[in-house]
Protein backbone atom coordinates (compact mmCIF):
# COMPACT_ATOMS: atom_id res chain seq x y z
CA MET A 1 -18.14 -32.03 10.83
CA LEU A 2 -21.83 -32.42 11.67
CA SER A 3 -22.55 -35.82 13.20
CA GLU A 4 -25.42 -37.94 11.98
CA GLY A 5 -27.13 -37.97 15.37
CA LEU A 6 -27.03 -34.18 15.63
CA PHE A 7 -28.44 -33.89 12.12
CA TYR A 8 -31.38 -36.18 12.87
CA ASP A 9 -32.03 -34.49 16.21
CA THR A 10 -32.13 -31.07 14.55
CA LEU A 11 -34.39 -32.43 11.82
CA ARG A 12 -36.71 -33.94 14.45
CA GLN A 13 -36.87 -30.62 16.31
CA GLY A 14 -37.63 -28.76 13.08
CA LEU A 15 -40.43 -31.14 12.17
CA TRP A 16 -41.90 -30.87 15.67
CA ILE A 17 -41.84 -27.06 15.45
CA ALA A 18 -43.63 -27.30 12.09
CA VAL A 19 -46.32 -29.46 13.69
CA VAL A 20 -46.72 -27.19 16.72
CA THR A 21 -47.01 -24.02 14.63
CA SER A 22 -49.49 -25.52 12.17
CA VAL A 23 -51.86 -27.15 14.69
CA PRO A 24 -53.97 -24.03 15.47
CA ILE A 25 -54.69 -23.28 11.82
CA LEU A 26 -55.37 -26.90 10.88
CA THR A 27 -57.67 -27.38 13.87
CA VAL A 28 -59.73 -24.32 13.01
CA ALA A 29 -59.92 -25.37 9.35
CA LEU A 30 -61.18 -28.80 10.43
CA VAL A 31 -63.79 -27.41 12.83
CA ALA A 32 -64.99 -24.78 10.36
CA GLY A 33 -65.26 -27.39 7.61
CA LEU A 34 -67.27 -29.71 9.86
CA VAL A 35 -69.62 -26.92 10.98
CA VAL A 36 -70.22 -25.69 7.44
CA GLY A 37 -70.66 -29.25 6.17
CA LEU A 38 -73.18 -29.99 8.90
CA PHE A 39 -75.02 -26.75 8.12
CA GLN A 40 -75.12 -27.65 4.42
CA ALA A 41 -76.38 -31.16 5.16
CA LEU A 42 -79.13 -29.88 7.47
CA THR A 43 -80.35 -27.14 5.14
CA SER A 44 -79.64 -28.83 1.75
CA ILE A 45 -77.83 -25.70 0.59
CA GLN A 46 -75.03 -26.74 -1.76
CA GLU A 47 -73.28 -23.44 -2.43
CA MET A 48 -69.54 -23.67 -3.09
CA THR A 49 -68.75 -20.24 -1.63
CA LEU A 50 -70.51 -21.23 1.59
CA THR A 51 -67.77 -23.78 2.14
CA PHE A 52 -64.86 -21.59 1.13
CA VAL A 53 -65.53 -18.16 2.65
CA PRO A 54 -66.19 -19.09 6.33
CA LYS A 55 -63.24 -21.48 6.36
CA LEU A 56 -60.95 -18.85 4.86
CA ALA A 57 -62.17 -16.22 7.32
CA ALA A 58 -61.59 -18.56 10.28
CA ILE A 59 -58.11 -19.49 9.07
CA VAL A 60 -57.11 -15.84 8.56
CA ALA A 61 -58.46 -14.89 12.01
CA VAL A 62 -56.56 -17.70 13.77
CA PHE A 63 -53.42 -16.95 11.81
CA TRP A 64 -53.62 -13.31 12.85
CA ILE A 65 -54.19 -14.27 16.50
CA SER A 66 -51.43 -16.90 16.64
CA MET A 67 -48.87 -15.06 14.51
CA GLY A 68 -46.93 -13.88 17.57
CA PHE A 69 -46.67 -17.40 18.96
CA MET A 70 -45.56 -18.79 15.61
CA THR A 71 -42.96 -16.08 15.16
CA GLN A 72 -41.54 -16.51 18.66
CA THR A 73 -41.34 -20.28 18.23
CA LEU A 74 -39.58 -20.11 14.88
CA VAL A 75 -37.18 -17.36 15.94
CA ALA A 76 -36.27 -19.25 19.13
CA PHE A 77 -35.58 -22.42 17.13
CA PHE A 78 -33.46 -20.50 14.64
CA THR A 79 -31.42 -18.59 17.21
CA ASN A 80 -30.99 -21.44 19.70
CA THR A 81 -30.48 -24.34 17.30
CA ILE A 82 -29.75 -23.36 13.72
CA LEU A 83 -27.44 -20.37 14.22
CA PRO A 84 -25.06 -22.23 16.57
CA LEU A 85 -24.84 -25.04 14.00
CA ILE A 86 -24.08 -22.56 11.23
CA ALA A 87 -21.50 -20.78 13.38
CA GLY A 88 -19.82 -24.09 14.15
CA GLY A 89 -20.64 -24.31 17.82
CA PHE A 90 -21.97 -27.85 17.87
């Protein structure tokens, strides 16, 4: 039977992996939003697509660049942590 400590440790590791894999995309979204917001404030251009399109393009570019890192991290967590628990090797 799965112990409570092992459950919480696995949950903590899973949440940490979620944070680590989402940080690049969230950081770029924040920076792109700040740059576009500053540009809009300086030029008084209030176009809705000006906010959406650059942020989306930056997010897609960073996702494409960091996809290998994200995949390796998630696969390593699954094979090293989750599969042994499923197989009963805890």
